[in-house]
Amino acid sequence: MIRIRYGVVLAAMTLAACSNFAPYETATPNIGPGFQPRATAQELVTAAGGNPADAPVSVCYSRLASTPQQVAAVAASDCRKGETAVLVDQGVDLTACTVLVPMRATFRCAAH
């Protein structure tokens, strides 16, 4: 009985130690035909003759632990001065995000 209790406590401590629910920036997926990964968003913008800083920004977050303002603030940190983050897309993405933080929001930076 004591071993089970210690096992449960150890499992709970391990889960708590590796569970960070804060929103974080991730790679913006660019999936081609057959769901094969292609170039990164920055590489696509550069290849089209644009500035890599104009590439979209993706943020992984948990709806239970993050507010929309926190998610937008993470994205806005990549925008240039005088620009704000504008939501383009969001949804569940277990490829770019973790199981505990499964939502991905993609933003573009736009002038005020």
PDB file of N, CA and C in Angstrom:
ATOM      1  N   MET A   1       0.812  -1.183   0.000  1.00  0.00           N
ATOM      2  CA  MET A   1       0.000   0.000   0.000  1.00  0.00           C
ATOM      3  C   MET A   1       0.868   1.264   0.000  1.00  0.00           C
ATOM      4  N   ILE A   2       1.963   1.235   0.760  1.00  0.00           N
ATOM      5  CA  ILE A   2       2.853   2.396   0.822  1.00  0.00           C
ATOM      6  C   ILE A   2       3.548   2.587  -0.518  1.00  0.00           C
ATOM      7  N   ARG A   3       3.920   1.505  -1.187  1.00  0.00           N
ATOM      8  CA  ARG A   3       4.577   1.608  -2.494  1.00  0.00           C
ATOM      9  C   ARG A   3       3.645   2.236  -3.523  1.00  0.00           C
ATOM     10  N   ILE A   4       2.380   1.878  -3.486  1.00  0.00           N
ATOM     11  CA  ILE A   4       1.416   2.462  -4.416  1.00  0.00           C
ATOM     12  C   ILE A   4       1.293   3.959  -4.164  1.00  0.00           C
ATOM     13  N   ARG A   5       1.238   4.339  -2.911  1.00  0.00           N
ATOM     14  CA  ARG A   5       1.113   5.753  -2.558  1.00  0.00           C
ATOM     15  C   ARG A   5       2.336   6.525  -3.044  1.00  0.00           C
ATOM     16  N   TYR A   6       3.529   5.979  -2.827  1.00  0.00           N
ATOM     17  CA  TYR A   6       4.750   6.635  -3.304  1.00  0.00           C
ATOM     18  C   TYR A   6       4.775   6.714  -4.833  1.00  0.00           C
ATOM     19  N   GLY A   7       4.292   5.668  -5.493  1.00  0.00           N
ATOM     20  CA  GLY A   7       4.233   5.673  -6.946  1.00  0.00           C
ATOM     21  C   GLY A   7       3.297   6.750  -7.477  1.00  0.00           C
ATOM     22  N   VAL A   8       2.154   6.925  -6.832  1.00  0.00           N
ATOM     23  CA  VAL A   8       1.198   7.950  -7.239  1.00  0.00           C
ATOM     24  C   VAL A   8       1.787   9.338  -7.008  1.00  0.00           C
ATOM     25  N   VAL A   9       2.424   9.546  -5.864  1.00  0.00           N
ATOM     26  CA  VAL A   9       3.044  10.838  -5.568  1.00  0.00           C
ATOM     27  C   VAL A   9       4.159  11.133  -6.567  1.00  0.00           C
ATOM     28  N   LEU A  10       4.983  10.161  -6.879  1.00  0.00           N
ATOM     29  CA  LEU A  10       6.067  10.344  -7.841  1.00  0.00           C
ATOM     30  C   LEU A  10       5.520  10.677  -9.231  1.00  0.00           C
ATOM     31  N   ALA A  11       4.471   9.970  -9.647  1.00  0.00           N
ATOM     32  CA  ALA A  11       3.870  10.247 -10.950  1.00  0.00           C
ATOM     33  C   ALA A  11       3.280  11.650 -10.998  1.00  0.00           C
ATOM     34  N   ALA A  12       2.627  12.073  -9.929  1.00  0.00           N
ATOM     35  CA  ALA A  12       2.048  13.418  -9.879  1.00  0.00           C
ATOM     36  C   ALA A  12       3.127  14.490  -9.912  1.00  0.00           C
ATOM     37  N   MET A  13       4.227  14.265  -9.196  1.00  0.00           N
ATOM     38  CA  MET A  13       5.320  15.244  -9.188  1.00  0.00           C
ATOM     39  C   MET A  13       5.982  15.324 -10.556  1.00  0.00           C
ATOM     40  N   THR A  14       6.138  14.190 -11.221  1.00  0.00           N
ATOM     41  CA  THR A  14       6.741  14.169 -12.556  1.00  0.00           C
ATOM     42  C   THR A  14       5.860  14.914 -13.546  1.00  0.00           C
ATOM     43  N   LEU A  15       4.565  14.671 -13.494  1.00  0.00           N
ATOM     44  CA  LEU A  15       3.640  15.355 -14.395  1.00  0.00           C
ATOM     45  C   LEU A  15       3.637  16.860 -14.130  1.00  0.00           C
ATOM     46  N   ALA A  16       3.658  17.249 -12.871  1.00  0.00           N
ATOM     47  CA  ALA A  16       3.667  18.674 -12.534  1.00  0.00           C
ATOM     48  C   ALA A  16       4.962  19.345 -12.973  1.00  0.00           C
ATOM     49  N   ALA A  17       6.061  18.634 -12.921  1.00  0.00           N
ATOM     50  CA  ALA A  17       7.351  19.222 -13.295  1.00  0.00           C
ATOM     51  C   ALA A  17       7.466  19.451 -14.792  1.00  0.00           C
ATOM     52  N   CYS A  18       6.833  18.617 -15.597  1.00  0.00           N
ATOM     53  CA  CYS A  18       6.977  18.764 -17.049  1.00  0.00           C
ATOM     54  C   CYS A  18       5.750  19.386 -17.705  1.00  0.00           C
ATOM     55  N   SER A  19       4.833  19.888 -16.923  1.00  0.00           N
ATOM     56  CA  SER A  19       3.611  20.480 -17.467  1.00  0.00           C
ATOM     57  C   SER A  19       3.697  21.993 -17.414  1.00  0.00           C
ATOM     58  N   ASN A  20       4.068  22.572 -18.530  1.00  0.00           N
ATOM     59  CA  ASN A  20       4.102  24.017 -18.636  1.00  0.00           C
ATOM     60  C   ASN A  20       2.984  24.404 -19.596  1.00  0.00           C
ATOM     61  N   PHE A  21       1.972  25.071 -19.077  1.00  0.00           N
ATOM     62  CA  PHE A  21       0.803  25.400 -19.876  1.00  0.00           C
ATOM     63  C   PHE A  21       0.873  26.800 -20.468  1.00  0.00           C
ATOM     64  N   ALA A  22       1.992  27.492 -20.314  1.00  0.00           N
ATOM     65  CA  ALA A  22       2.125  28.839 -20.859  1.00  0.00           C
ATOM     66  C   ALA A  22       2.193  28.780 -22.384  1.00  0.00           C
ATOM     67  N   PRO A  23       1.616  29.770 -23.073  1.00  0.00           N
ATOM     68  CA  PRO A  23       1.698  29.785 -24.540  1.00  0.00           C
ATOM     69  C   PRO A  23       3.140  29.978 -25.000  1.00  0.00           C
ATOM     70  N   TYR A  24       3.482  29.344 -26.109  1.00  0.00           N
ATOM     71  CA  TYR A  24       4.842  29.460 -26.645  1.00  0.00           C
ATOM     72  C   TYR A  24       4.796  29.488 -28.165  1.00  0.00           C
ATOM     73  N   GLU A  25       5.819  30.122 -28.751  1.00  0.00           N
ATOM     74  CA  GLU A  25       5.908  30.213 -30.210  1.00  0.00           C
ATOM     75  C   GLU A  25       6.357  28.881 -30.785  1.00  0.00           C
ATOM     76  N   THR A  26       5.811  28.535 -31.934  1.00  0.00           N
ATOM     77  CA  THR A  26       6.165  27.300 -32.612  1.00  0.00           C
ATOM     78  C   THR A  26       6.308  27.576 -34.105  1.00  0.00           C
ATOM     79  N   ALA A  27       6.757  26.602 -34.838  1.00  0.00           N
ATOM     80  CA  ALA A  27       6.899  26.758 -36.282  1.00  0.00           C
ATOM     81  C   ALA A  27       5.522  26.781 -36.940  1.00  0.00           C
ATOM     82  N   THR A  28       5.358  27.650 -37.912  1.00  0.00           N
ATOM     83  CA  THR A  28       4.109  27.698 -38.678  1.00  0.00           C
ATOM     84  C   THR A  28       4.157  26.565 -39.693  1.00  0.00           C
ATOM     85  N   PRO A  29       3.206  25.636 -39.609  1.00  0.00           N
ATOM     86  CA  PRO A  29       3.270  24.491 -40.513  1.00  0.00           C
ATOM     87  C   PRO A  29       2.956  24.876 -41.948  1.00  0.00           C
ATOM     88  N   ASN A  30       3.642  24.244 -42.861  1.00  0.00           N
ATOM     89  CA  ASN A  30       3.376  24.401 -44.285  1.00  0.00           C
ATOM     90  C   ASN A  30       3.328  22.999 -44.848  1.00  0.00           C
ATOM     91  N   ILE A  31       2.148  22.442 -44.872  1.00  0.00           N
ATOM     92  CA  ILE A  31       1.982  21.064 -45.298  1.00  0.00           C
ATOM     93  C   ILE A  31       1.609  21.034 -46.781  1.00  0.00           C
ATOM     94  N   GLY A  32       2.351  20.271 -47.542  1.00  0.00           N
ATOM     95  CA  GLY A  32       2.101  20.144 -48.970  1.00  0.00           C
ATOM     96  C   GLY A  32       1.199  18.967 -49.284  1.00  0.00           C
ATOM     97  N   PRO A  33       1.129  18.594 -50.550  1.00  0.00           N
ATOM     98  CA  PRO A  33       0.300  17.458 -50.956  1.00  0.00           C
ATOM     99  C   PRO A  33       0.720  16.187 -50.225  1.00  0.00           C
ATOM    100  N   GLY A  34      -0.247  15.390 -49.826  1.00  0.00           N
ATOM    101  CA  GLY A  34       0.043  14.152 -49.115  1.00  0.00           C
ATOM    102  C   GLY A  34       0.515  14.398 -47.694  1.00  0.00           C
ATOM    103  N   PHE A  35       0.243  15.595 -47.166  1.00  0.00           N
ATOM    104  CA  PHE A  35       0.614  15.977 -45.803  1.00  0.00           C
ATOM    105  C   PHE A  35       2.117  15.880 -45.555  1.00  0.00           C
ATOM    106  N   GLN A  36       2.906  16.160 -46.585  1.00  0.00           N
ATOM    107  CA  GLN A  36       4.358  16.161 -46.454  1.00  0.00           C
ATOM    108  C   GLN A  36       4.828  17.567 -46.084  1.00  0.00           C
ATOM    109  N   PRO A  37       5.684  17.703 -45.051  1.00  0.00           N
ATOM    110  CA  PRO A  37       6.172  19.027 -44.680  1.00  0.00           C
ATOM    111  C   PRO A  37       6.978  19.649 -45.812  1.00  0.00           C
ATOM    112  N   ARG A  38       6.805  20.931 -45.992  1.00  0.00           N
ATOM    113  CA  ARG A  38       7.521  21.683 -47.010  1.00  0.00           C
ATOM    114  C   ARG A  38       8.450  22.673 -46.332  1.00  0.00           C
ATOM    115  N   ALA A  39       8.814  23.716 -47.036  1.00  0.00           N
ATOM    116  CA  ALA A  39       9.688  24.754 -46.492  1.00  0.00           C
ATOM    117  C   ALA A  39       9.005  25.478 -45.337  1.00  0.00           C
ATOM    118  N   THR A  40       9.796  26.121 -44.497  1.00  0.00           N
ATOM    119  CA  THR A  40       9.228  26.900 -43.402  1.00  0.00           C
ATOM    120  C   THR A  40       8.566  28.155 -43.956  1.00  0.00           C
ATOM    121  N   ALA A  41       7.752  28.783 -43.143  1.00  0.00           N
ATOM    122  CA  ALA A  41       7.065  30.006 -43.568  1.00  0.00           C
ATOM    123  C   ALA A  41       8.069  31.089 -43.937  1.00  0.00           C
ATOM    124  N   GLN A  42       9.148  31.199 -43.171  1.00  0.00           N
ATOM    125  CA  GLN A  42      10.180  32.199 -43.463  1.00  0.00           C
ATOM    126  C   GLN A  42      10.844  31.929 -44.807  1.00  0.00           C
ATOM    127  N   GLU A  43      11.113  30.657 -45.113  1.00  0.00           N
ATOM    128  CA  GLU A  43      11.734  30.302 -46.390  1.00  0.00           C
ATOM    129  C   GLU A  43      10.803  30.606 -47.559  1.00  0.00           C
ATOM    130  N   LEU A  44       9.512  30.374 -47.379  1.00  0.00           N
ATOM    131  CA  LEU A  44       8.549  30.669 -48.443  1.00  0.00           C
ATOM    132  C   LEU A  44       8.472  32.163 -48.725  1.00  0.00           C
ATOM    133  N   VAL A  45       8.445  32.973 -47.672  1.00  0.00           N
ATOM    134  CA  VAL A  45       8.369  34.428 -47.848  1.00  0.00           C
ATOM    135  C   VAL A  45       9.632  34.936 -48.524  1.00  0.00           C
ATOM    136  N   THR A  46      10.790  34.425 -48.115  1.00  0.00           N
ATOM    137  CA  THR A  46      12.057  34.826 -48.718  1.00  0.00           C
ATOM    138  C   THR A  46      12.109  34.419 -50.194  1.00  0.00           C
ATOM    139  N   ALA A  47      11.662  33.208 -50.509  1.00  0.00           N
ATOM    140  CA  ALA A  47      11.672  32.731 -51.893  1.00  0.00           C
ATOM    141  C   ALA A  47      10.756  33.571 -52.781  1.00  0.00           C
ATOM    142  N   ALA A  48       9.706  34.145 -52.191  1.00  0.00           N
ATOM    143  CA  ALA A  48       8.783  34.988 -52.956  1.00  0.00           C
ATOM    144  C   ALA A  48       9.289  36.418 -53.067  1.00  0.00           C
ATOM    145  N   GLY A  49      10.476  36.684 -52.503  1.00  0.00           N
ATOM    146  CA  GLY A  49      11.060  38.018 -52.594  1.00  0.00           C
ATOM    147  C   GLY A  49      10.671  38.938 -51.461  1.00  0.00           C
ATOM    148  N   GLY A  50      10.059  38.396 -50.435  1.00  0.00           N
ATOM    149  CA  GLY A  50       9.646  39.219 -49.298  1.00  0.00           C
ATOM    150  C   GLY A  50      10.651  39.184 -48.165  1.00  0.00           C
ATOM    151  N   ASN A  51      10.366  39.928 -47.137  1.00  0.00           N
ATOM    152  CA  ASN A  51      11.192  39.994 -45.940  1.00  0.00           C
ATOM    153  C   ASN A  51      10.796  38.833 -45.019  1.00  0.00           C
ATOM    154  N   PRO A  52      11.764  38.032 -44.525  1.00  0.00           N
ATOM    155  CA  PRO A  52      11.417  36.924 -43.630  1.00  0.00           C
ATOM    156  C   PRO A  52      10.678  37.384 -42.374  1.00  0.00           C
ATOM    157  N   ALA A  53      10.837  38.656 -42.005  1.00  0.00           N
ATOM    158  CA  ALA A  53      10.134  39.172 -40.828  1.00  0.00           C
ATOM    159  C   ALA A  53       8.633  39.275 -41.076  1.00  0.00           C
ATOM    160  N   ASP A  54       8.206  39.184 -42.346  1.00  0.00           N
ATOM    161  CA  ASP A  54       6.781  39.243 -42.682  1.00  0.00           C
ATOM    162  C   ASP A  54       6.101  37.881 -42.602  1.00  0.00           C
ATOM    163  N   ALA A  55       6.844  36.856 -42.234  1.00  0.00           N
ATOM    164  CA  ALA A  55       6.285  35.506 -42.154  1.00  0.00           C
ATOM    165  C   ALA A  55       5.286  35.431 -41.000  1.00  0.00           C
ATOM    166  N   PRO A  56       4.291  34.564 -41.118  1.00  0.00           N
ATOM    167  CA  PRO A  56       3.324  34.414 -40.035  1.00  0.00           C
ATOM    168  C   PRO A  56       3.974  33.850 -38.780  1.00  0.00           C
ATOM    169  N   VAL A  57       3.326  34.098 -37.651  1.00  0.00           N
ATOM    170  CA  VAL A  57       3.806  33.638 -36.345  1.00  0.00           C
ATOM    171  C   VAL A  57       2.764  32.687 -35.775  1.00  0.00           C
ATOM    172  N   SER A  58       3.195  31.516 -35.336  1.00  0.00           N
ATOM    173  CA  SER A  58       2.272  30.553 -34.721  1.00  0.00           C
ATOM    174  C   SER A  58       2.593  30.388 -33.251  1.00  0.00           C
ATOM    175  N   VAL A  59       1.548  30.254 -32.454  1.00  0.00           N
ATOM    176  CA  VAL A  59       1.676  30.126 -31.006  1.00  0.00           C
ATOM    177  C   VAL A  59       0.845  28.933 -30.547  1.00  0.00           C
ATOM    178  N   CYS A  60       1.461  28.041 -29.767  1.00  0.00           N
ATOM    179  CA  CYS A  60       0.737  26.940 -29.151  1.00  0.00           C
ATOM    180  C   CYS A  60       0.230  27.392 -27.784  1.00  0.00           C
ATOM    181  N   TYR A  61      -0.991  26.980 -27.450  1.00  0.00           N
ATOM    182  CA  TYR A  61      -1.563  27.399 -26.164  1.00  0.00           C
ATOM    183  C   TYR A  61      -2.618  26.401 -25.715  1.00  0.00           C
ATOM    184  N   SER A  62      -3.006  26.512 -24.462  1.00  0.00           N
ATOM    185  CA  SER A  62      -4.079  25.708 -23.887  1.00  0.00           C
ATOM    186  C   SER A  62      -5.245  26.634 -23.595  1.00  0.00           C
ATOM    187  N   ARG A  63      -6.424  26.277 -24.037  1.00  0.00           N
ATOM    188  CA  ARG A  63      -7.602  27.103 -23.770  1.00  0.00           C
ATOM    189  C   ARG A  63      -7.915  27.173 -22.282  1.00  0.00           C
ATOM    190  N   LEU A  64      -7.517  26.159 -21.537  1.00  0.00           N
ATOM    191  CA  LEU A  64      -7.800  26.129 -20.100  1.00  0.00           C
ATOM    192  C   LEU A  64      -6.861  27.021 -19.299  1.00  0.00           C
ATOM    193  N   ALA A  65      -5.655  27.251 -19.802  1.00  0.00           N
ATOM    194  CA  ALA A  65      -4.642  27.948 -19.003  1.00  0.00           C
ATOM    195  C   ALA A  65      -4.208  29.290 -19.574  1.00  0.00           C
ATOM    196  N   SER A  66      -4.668  29.659 -20.761  1.00  0.00           N
ATOM    197  CA  SER A  66      -4.207  30.897 -21.394  1.00  0.00           C
ATOM    198  C   SER A  66      -5.391  31.751 -21.818  1.00  0.00           C
ATOM    199  N   THR A  67      -5.217  33.053 -21.707  1.00  0.00           N
ATOM    200  CA  THR A  67      -6.232  33.977 -22.194  1.00  0.00           C
ATOM    201  C   THR A  67      -5.875  34.385 -23.629  1.00  0.00           C
ATOM    202  N   PRO A  68      -6.843  34.849 -24.392  1.00  0.00           N
ATOM    203  CA  PRO A  68      -6.525  35.326 -25.743  1.00  0.00           C
ATOM    204  C   PRO A  68      -5.481  36.451 -25.745  1.00  0.00           C
ATOM    205  N   GLN A  69      -5.493  37.274 -24.707  1.00  0.00           N
ATOM    206  CA  GLN A  69      -4.524  38.362 -24.614  1.00  0.00           C
ATOM    207  C   GLN A  69      -3.103  37.834 -24.428  1.00  0.00           C
ATOM    208  N   GLN A  70      -2.946  36.768 -23.653  1.00  0.00           N
ATOM    209  CA  GLN A  70      -1.620  36.174 -23.463  1.00  0.00           C
ATOM    210  C   GLN A  70      -1.095  35.584 -24.772  1.00  0.00           C
ATOM    211  N   VAL A  71      -1.960  34.915 -25.514  1.00  0.00           N
ATOM    212  CA  VAL A  71      -1.558  34.303 -26.782  1.00  0.00           C
ATOM    213  C   VAL A  71      -1.172  35.392 -27.781  1.00  0.00           C
ATOM    214  N   ALA A  72      -1.977  36.434 -27.864  1.00  0.00           N
ATOM    215  CA  ALA A  72      -1.683  37.535 -28.784  1.00  0.00           C
ATOM    216  C   ALA A  72      -0.400  38.257 -28.387  1.00  0.00           C
ATOM    217  N   ALA A  73      -0.114  38.354 -27.090  1.00  0.00           N
ATOM    218  CA  ALA A  73       1.114  39.015 -26.631  1.00  0.00           C
ATOM    219  C   ALA A  73       2.354  38.242 -27.070  1.00  0.00           C
ATOM    220  N   VAL A  74       2.292  36.907 -27.050  1.00  0.00           N
ATOM    221  CA  VAL A  74       3.424  36.092 -27.516  1.00  0.00           C
ATOM    222  C   VAL A  74       3.659  36.345 -29.001  1.00  0.00           C
ATOM    223  N   ALA A  75       2.579  36.386 -29.774  1.00  0.00           N
ATOM    224  CA  ALA A  75       2.712  36.637 -31.214  1.00  0.00           C
ATOM    225  C   ALA A  75       3.192  38.060 -31.478  1.00  0.00           C
ATOM    226  N   ALA A  76       2.685  39.025 -30.724  1.00  0.00           N
ATOM    227  CA  ALA A  76       3.054  40.432 -30.928  1.00  0.00           C
ATOM    228  C   ALA A  76       4.520  40.691 -30.633  1.00  0.00           C
ATOM    229  N   SER A  77       5.127  39.847 -29.813  1.00  0.00           N
ATOM    230  CA  SER A  77       6.544  40.037 -29.493  1.00  0.00           C
ATOM    231  C   SER A  77       7.431  39.852 -30.725  1.00  0.00           C
ATOM    232  N   ASP A  78       6.929  39.177 -31.759  1.00  0.00           N
ATOM    233  CA  ASP A  78       7.686  38.991 -33.001  1.00  0.00           C
ATOM    234  C   ASP A  78       7.397  40.063 -34.042  1.00  0.00           C
ATOM    235  N   CYS A  79       6.408  40.898 -33.785  1.00  0.00           N
ATOM    236  CA  CYS A  79       6.066  41.953 -34.740  1.00  0.00           C
ATOM    237  C   CYS A  79       7.004  43.141 -34.568  1.00  0.00           C
ATOM    238  N   ARG A  80       7.185  43.889 -35.672  1.00  0.00           N
ATOM    239  CA  ARG A  80       8.009  45.093 -35.617  1.00  0.00           C
ATOM    240  C   ARG A  80       7.262  46.203 -34.895  1.00  0.00           C
ATOM    241  N   LYS A  81       7.998  47.229 -34.521  1.00  0.00           N
ATOM    242  CA  LYS A  81       7.403  48.374 -33.833  1.00  0.00           C
ATOM    243  C   LYS A  81       6.336  49.008 -34.727  1.00  0.00           C
ATOM    244  N   GLY A  82       5.182  49.303 -34.160  1.00  0.00           N
ATOM    245  CA  GLY A  82       4.096  49.892 -34.914  1.00  0.00           C
ATOM    246  C   GLY A  82       3.171  48.877 -35.554  1.00  0.00           C
ATOM    247  N   GLU A  83       3.422  47.587 -35.322  1.00  0.00           N
ATOM    248  CA  GLU A  83       2.580  46.538 -35.880  1.00  0.00           C
ATOM    249  C   GLU A  83       1.889  45.777 -34.751  1.00  0.00           C
ATOM    250  N   THR A  84       0.753  45.210 -35.054  1.00  0.00           N
ATOM    251  CA  THR A  84       0.030  44.379 -34.105  1.00  0.00           C
ATOM    252  C   THR A  84      -0.194  43.002 -34.715  1.00  0.00           C
ATOM    253  N   ALA A  85      -0.387  42.016 -33.868  1.00  0.00           N
ATOM    254  CA  ALA A  85      -0.638  40.650 -34.327  1.00  0.00           C
ATOM    255  C   ALA A  85      -2.124  40.494 -34.637  1.00  0.00           C
ATOM    256  N   VAL A  86      -2.421  39.995 -35.827  1.00  0.00           N
ATOM    257  CA  VAL A  86      -3.800  39.780 -36.266  1.00  0.00           C
ATOM    258  C   VAL A  86      -4.003  38.278 -36.467  1.00  0.00           C
ATOM    259  N   LEU A  87      -5.026  37.737 -35.823  1.00  0.00           N
ATOM    260  CA  LEU A  87      -5.302  36.302 -35.915  1.00  0.00           C
ATOM    261  C   LEU A  87      -5.695  35.920 -37.333  1.00  0.00           C
ATOM    262  N   VAL A  88      -5.050  34.875 -37.868  1.00  0.00           N
ATOM    263  CA  VAL A  88      -5.330  34.383 -39.212  1.00  0.00           C
ATOM    264  C   VAL A  88      -6.033  33.027 -39.154  1.00  0.00           C
ATOM    265  N   ASP A  89      -5.573  32.155 -38.253  1.00  0.00           N
ATOM    266  CA  ASP A  89      -6.084  30.790 -38.193  1.00  0.00           C
ATOM    267  C   ASP A  89      -5.845  30.235 -36.801  1.00  0.00           C
ATOM    268  N   GLN A  90      -6.712  29.319 -36.376  1.00  0.00           N
ATOM    269  CA  GLN A  90      -6.466  28.605 -35.126  1.00  0.00           C
ATOM    270  C   GLN A  90      -7.152  27.260 -35.178  1.00  0.00           C
ATOM    271  N   GLY A  91      -6.624  26.325 -34.393  1.00  0.00           N
ATOM    272  CA  GLY A  91      -7.194  24.986 -34.344  1.00  0.00           C
ATOM    273  C   GLY A  91      -6.272  24.043 -33.598  1.00  0.00           C
ATOM    274  N   VAL A  92      -6.698  22.817 -33.454  1.00  0.00           N
ATOM    275  CA  VAL A  92      -5.897  21.792 -32.785  1.00  0.00           C
ATOM    276  C   VAL A  92      -4.800  21.347 -33.744  1.00  0.00           C
ATOM    277  N   ASP A  93      -3.567  21.300 -33.243  1.00  0.00           N
ATOM    278  CA  ASP A  93      -2.422  20.877 -34.067  1.00  0.00           C
ATOM    279  C   ASP A  93      -1.471  20.071 -33.196  1.00  0.00           C
ATOM    280  N   LEU A  94      -1.604  18.760 -33.225  1.00  0.00           N
ATOM    281  CA  LEU A  94      -0.745  17.906 -32.408  1.00  0.00           C
ATOM    282  C   LEU A  94       0.582  17.605 -33.081  1.00  0.00           C
ATOM    283  N   THR A  95       0.815  18.173 -34.257  1.00  0.00           N
ATOM    284  CA  THR A  95       2.112  18.038 -34.909  1.00  0.00           C
ATOM    285  C   THR A  95       3.055  19.128 -34.414  1.00  0.00           C
ATOM    286  N   ALA A  96       2.584  20.349 -34.358  1.00  0.00           N
ATOM    287  CA  ALA A  96       3.418  21.478 -33.949  1.00  0.00           C
ATOM    288  C   ALA A  96       3.354  21.727 -32.450  1.00  0.00           C
ATOM    289  N   CYS A  97       2.295  21.280 -31.789  1.00  0.00           N
ATOM    290  CA  CYS A  97       2.090  21.543 -30.360  1.00  0.00           C
ATOM    291  C   CYS A  97       2.057  20.233 -29.576  1.00  0.00           C
ATOM    292  N   THR A  98       2.164  20.346 -28.263  1.00  0.00           N
ATOM    293  CA  THR A  98       2.148  19.162 -27.401  1.00  0.00           C
ATOM    294  C   THR A  98       0.712  18.775 -27.058  1.00  0.00           C
ATOM    295  N   VAL A  99       0.536  17.610 -26.489  1.00  0.00           N
ATOM    296  CA  VAL A  99      -0.785  17.124 -26.113  1.00  0.00           C
ATOM    297  C   VAL A  99      -1.399  17.993 -25.016  1.00  0.00           C
ATOM    298  N   LEU A 100      -0.588  18.478 -24.081  1.00  0.00           N
ATOM    299  CA  LEU A 100      -1.101  19.304 -22.988  1.00  0.00           C
ATOM    300  C   LEU A 100      -1.379  20.740 -23.413  1.00  0.00           C
ATOM    301  N   VAL A 101      -0.797  21.173 -24.514  1.00  0.00           N
ATOM    302  CA  VAL A 101      -0.994  22.527 -25.050  1.00  0.00           C
ATOM    303  C   VAL A 101      -1.309  22.355 -26.548  1.00  0.00           C
ATOM    304  N   PRO A 102      -2.520  21.833 -26.867  1.00  0.00           N
ATOM    305  CA  PRO A 102      -2.776  21.360 -28.233  1.00  0.00           C
ATOM    306  C   PRO A 102      -3.232  22.401 -29.253  1.00  0.00           C
ATOM    307  N   MET A 103      -3.597  23.580 -28.823  1.00  0.00           N
ATOM    308  CA  MET A 103      -4.146  24.573 -29.750  1.00  0.00           C
ATOM    309  C   MET A 103      -3.026  25.381 -30.408  1.00  0.00           C
ATOM    310  N   ARG A 104      -3.196  25.672 -31.719  1.00  0.00           N
ATOM    311  CA  ARG A 104      -2.233  26.524 -32.427  1.00  0.00           C
ATOM    312  C   ARG A 104      -2.996  27.675 -33.034  1.00  0.00           C
ATOM    313  N   ALA A 105      -2.512  28.890 -32.770  1.00  0.00           N
ATOM    314  CA  ALA A 105      -3.052  30.100 -33.380  1.00  0.00           C
ATOM    315  C   ALA A 105      -1.972  30.696 -34.264  1.00  0.00           C
ATOM    316  N   THR A 106      -2.342  31.081 -35.477  1.00  0.00           N
ATOM    317  CA  THR A 106      -1.395  31.685 -36.416  1.00  0.00           C
ATOM    318  C   THR A 106      -1.781  33.143 -36.615  1.00  0.00           C
ATOM    319  N   PHE A 107      -0.795  34.013 -36.503  1.00  0.00           N
ATOM    320  CA  PHE A 107      -0.984  35.456 -36.616  1.00  0.00           C
ATOM    321  C   PHE A 107      -0.133  36.008 -37.745  1.00  0.00           C
ATOM    322  N   ARG A 108      -0.536  37.150 -38.267  1.00  0.00           N
ATOM    323  CA  ARG A 108       0.315  37.934 -39.164  1.00  0.00           C
ATOM    324  C   ARG A 108       0.462  39.302 -38.534  1.00  0.00           C
ATOM    325  N   CYS A 109       1.562  39.950 -38.791  1.00  0.00           N
ATOM    326  CA  CYS A 109       1.808  41.281 -38.243  1.00  0.00           C
ATOM    327  C   CYS A 109       1.278  42.314 -39.232  1.00  0.00           C
ATOM    328  N   ALA A 110       0.483  43.237 -38.741  1.00  0.00           N
ATOM    329  CA  ALA A 110      -0.116  44.270 -39.595  1.00  0.00           C
ATOM    330  C   ALA A 110       0.089  45.634 -38.966  1.00  0.00           C
ATOM    331  N   ALA A 111       0.273  46.636 -39.818  1.00  0.00           N
ATOM    332  CA  ALA A 111       0.424  48.006 -39.333  1.00  0.00           C
ATOM    333  C   ALA A 111      -0.886  48.457 -38.694  1.00  0.00           C
ATOM    334  N   HIS A 112      -0.768  49.337 -37.719  1.00  0.00           N
ATOM    335  CA  HIS A 112      -1.964  49.856 -37.023  1.00  0.00           C
ATOM    336  C   HIS A 112      -2.934  50.409 -37.980  1.00  0.00           C
TER     337      HIS A 112
END
